[in-house]
Amino acid sequence: MTTYLEKGHLPPLFAYLEKRYARVEEVPDYRGEAIGYEKLLGVLERVRMDTYYPDLLDKAAYLLIAINKGHFFSNGNKRLALVTTTVFLDINERRLRESSKKDYKLLLGQLFPEYQEWSDFAEFTSTDFATYHLSIVIAESGALNIEYDDLKVRVRRFFAEATE
């Protein structure tokens, strides 16, 4: 049985994002951006639709893509998408595997051969590396000419290969 994120999960998520990222770049007041906040709540509700998102990995792919591409907030949409999806997987006892950056680059390269802009930062763990690039691919999927339905399939495949 799938455990879902609720409205009550959001304040700690927002606090985590502020604590982790505020030193590096602007973190919006997610609760203060009412329209974006309502749209986010809508995504959290729609992910429950088993007809469209029949299993946990379909739901994770939907969360990541919908929040990332939805641009609900003035800034921080990709980060919010990653944290929300990671927490969703975590509360359902799935986690990203501790593979090497090289292995994640190979997996992402196989799934998204259109993407060539690999960068790395010293502070990145291997899972940071993987989720950073996955997030960029999703955000740039239009420019990479990846159709939405194909994007969903590929992101789901990433989670199938990368989680345990």
Protein backbone atom coordinates (compact mmCIF):
# COMPACT_ATOMS: atom_id res chain seq x y z
CA MET A 1 0.00 0.00 0.00
CA THR A 2 1.35 3.39 -1.01
CA THR A 3 1.87 6.08 1.59
CA TYR A 4 1.21 9.57 0.24
CA LEU A 5 2.51 13.00 1.10
CA GLU A 6 -0.05 15.18 2.81
CA LYS A 7 -0.34 18.92 3.32
CA GLY A 8 1.25 18.46 6.76
CA HIS A 9 4.43 17.10 5.18
CA LEU A 10 5.07 20.36 3.34
CA PRO A 11 6.23 22.68 6.16
CA PRO A 12 9.13 20.37 7.08
CA LEU A 13 10.02 19.99 3.38
CA PHE A 14 10.06 23.77 2.95
CA ALA A 15 12.14 24.18 6.12
CA TYR A 16 14.64 21.61 4.89
CA LEU A 17 14.97 23.38 1.53
CA GLU A 18 15.50 26.71 3.25
CA LYS A 19 18.10 25.30 5.63
CA ARG A 20 20.01 23.42 2.93
CA TYR A 21 19.88 25.93 0.07
CA ALA A 22 19.32 29.46 1.42
CA ARG A 23 23.07 30.03 1.78
CA VAL A 24 23.64 29.17 -1.88
CA GLU A 25 20.72 30.81 -3.67
CA GLU A 26 17.28 32.24 -3.12
CA VAL A 27 14.66 29.94 -1.66
CA PRO A 28 11.13 31.23 -2.15
CA ASP A 29 8.51 31.51 0.56
CA TYR A 30 6.60 28.51 -0.80
CA ARG A 31 3.66 29.01 1.56
CA GLY A 32 3.54 32.70 0.69
CA GLU A 33 3.11 31.99 -3.03
CA ALA A 34 -0.54 30.96 -2.70
CA ILE A 35 -1.25 30.02 -6.32
CA GLY A 36 1.86 27.83 -6.53
CA TYR A 37 1.09 26.27 -3.17
CA GLU A 38 -2.41 25.30 -4.33
CA LYS A 39 -1.01 23.84 -7.54
CA LEU A 40 1.47 21.79 -5.51
CA LEU A 41 -1.39 20.48 -3.36
CA GLY A 42 -3.17 19.53 -6.58
CA VAL A 43 -0.18 17.46 -7.71
CA LEU A 44 -0.11 15.71 -4.33
CA GLU A 45 -3.79 14.87 -4.80
CA ARG A 46 -3.53 13.74 -8.45
CA VAL A 47 -0.64 11.36 -7.72
CA ARG A 48 -3.18 9.20 -5.87
CA MET A 49 -4.98 8.39 -9.13
CA ASP A 50 -4.12 4.74 -9.68
CA THR A 51 -5.67 4.75 -13.14
CA TYR A 52 -2.99 7.12 -14.40
CA TYR A 53 -0.19 6.27 -11.97
CA PRO A 54 -0.65 2.57 -11.17
CA ASP A 55 2.48 1.89 -9.15
CA LEU A 56 4.96 3.61 -6.89
CA LEU A 57 7.51 4.36 -9.62
CA ASP A 58 4.86 5.84 -11.94
CA LYS A 59 3.81 8.05 -9.05
CA ALA A 60 7.41 9.09 -8.31
CA ALA A 61 7.99 9.95 -11.97
CA TYR A 62 4.79 12.00 -12.04
CA LEU A 63 5.73 13.92 -8.88
CA LEU A 64 9.20 14.73 -10.14
CA ILE A 65 8.08 15.84 -13.58
CA ALA A 66 4.91 17.70 -12.55
CA ILE A 67 6.60 19.78 -9.86
CA ASN A 68 9.77 20.39 -11.89
CA LYS A 69 8.01 21.42 -15.08
CA GLY A 70 5.03 23.06 -13.37
CA HIS A 71 7.04 26.14 -12.37
CA PHE A 72 4.58 26.75 -9.54
CA PHE A 73 6.98 28.98 -7.63
CA SER A 74 9.26 31.91 -8.41
CA ASN A 75 12.37 29.78 -7.81
CA GLY A 76 13.40 26.40 -6.46
CA ASN A 77 10.99 24.23 -8.44
CA LYS A 78 13.60 21.63 -9.41
CA ARG A 79 14.88 21.40 -5.84
CA LEU A 80 11.36 21.12 -4.48
CA ALA A 81 10.58 18.39 -7.03
CA LEU A 82 13.67 16.41 -6.04
CA VAL A 83 13.12 16.69 -2.30
CA THR A 84 9.39 15.92 -2.58
CA THR A 85 10.04 12.86 -4.74
CA THR A 86 12.89 11.64 -2.56
CA VAL A 87 10.74 11.92 0.57
CA PHE A 88 7.84 10.18 -1.21
CA LEU A 89 10.12 7.29 -2.15
CA ASP A 90 11.64 7.23 1.33
CA ILE A 91 8.30 6.99 3.16
CA ASN A 92 7.51 4.10 0.83
CA GLU A 93 10.82 2.42 1.71
CA ARG A 94 12.57 3.00 -1.62
CA ARG A 95 15.88 4.82 -1.85
CA LEU A 96 18.36 5.70 -4.53
CA ARG A 97 21.12 3.13 -4.69
CA GLU A 98 24.63 4.15 -3.66
CA SER A 99 26.14 3.70 -7.12
CA SER A 100 29.13 5.62 -8.37
CA LYS A 101 28.83 8.87 -10.31
CA LYS A 102 30.23 6.99 -13.30
CA ASP A 103 27.46 4.37 -13.06
CA TYR A 104 24.78 7.05 -12.74
CA LYS A 105 26.21 8.94 -15.72
CA LEU A 106 26.10 5.73 -17.75
CA LEU A 107 22.48 5.03 -16.75
CA LEU A 108 21.34 8.58 -17.45
CA GLY A 109 23.28 8.62 -20.72
CA GLN A 110 21.50 5.46 -21.83
CA LEU A 111 18.08 6.84 -20.87
CA PHE A 112 18.70 10.36 -22.18
CA PRO A 113 21.26 10.23 -25.01
CA GLU A 114 20.12 13.73 -26.08
CA TYR A 115 21.65 15.17 -22.91
CA GLN A 116 25.36 16.02 -23.08
CA GLU A 117 25.92 18.73 -20.46
CA TRP A 118 27.58 16.71 -17.69
CA SER A 119 28.99 18.70 -14.83
CA ASP A 120 30.14 17.69 -11.39
CA PHE A 121 30.76 19.51 -8.16
CA ALA A 122 33.05 18.39 -5.36
CA GLU A 123 30.23 18.45 -2.81
CA PHE A 124 28.01 16.16 -4.91
CA THR A 125 27.42 12.67 -3.67
CA SER A 126 26.70 10.14 -6.38
CA THR A 127 22.96 10.46 -5.77
CA ASP A 128 23.24 14.28 -5.85
CA PHE A 129 24.97 13.93 -9.21
CA ALA A 130 22.22 11.65 -10.53
CA THR A 131 19.28 13.70 -9.31
CA TYR A 132 20.84 17.00 -10.39
CA HIS A 133 21.23 15.78 -13.96
CA LEU A 134 17.84 14.05 -14.01
CA SER A 135 16.28 17.31 -12.86
CA ILE A 136 18.06 19.30 -15.57
CA VAL A 137 16.97 16.81 -18.25
CA ILE A 138 13.35 17.15 -17.11
CA ALA A 139 13.52 20.94 -17.07
CA GLU A 140 15.12 21.03 -20.52
CA SER A 141 13.11 18.16 -22.03
CA GLY A 142 11.35 20.48 -24.48
CA ALA A 143 14.65 21.82 -25.83
CA LEU A 144 15.93 18.24 -25.99
CA ASN A 145 12.85 17.27 -28.05
CA ILE A 146 11.68 14.66 -25.55
CA GLU A 147 7.90 14.24 -25.67
CA TYR A 148 6.08 14.29 -22.33
CA ASP A 149 4.88 10.67 -22.46
CA ASP A 150 8.36 9.47 -23.41
CA LEU A 151 9.82 11.55 -20.58
CA LYS A 152 7.50 9.84 -18.07
CA VAL A 153 8.58 6.41 -19.33
CA ARG A 154 12.27 7.25 -19.14
CA VAL A 155 12.06 8.82 -15.68
CA ARG A 156 10.15 5.78 -14.44
CA ARG A 157 12.88 3.56 -15.91
CA PHE A 158 15.47 5.62 -14.06
CA PHE A 159 13.69 4.94 -10.78
CA ALA A 160 13.32 1.25 -11.64
CA GLU A 161 17.06 0.97 -12.24
CA ALA A 162 18.30 3.34 -9.53
CA THR A 163 16.20 2.49 -6.47
CA GLU A 164 16.22 -0.37 -4.04
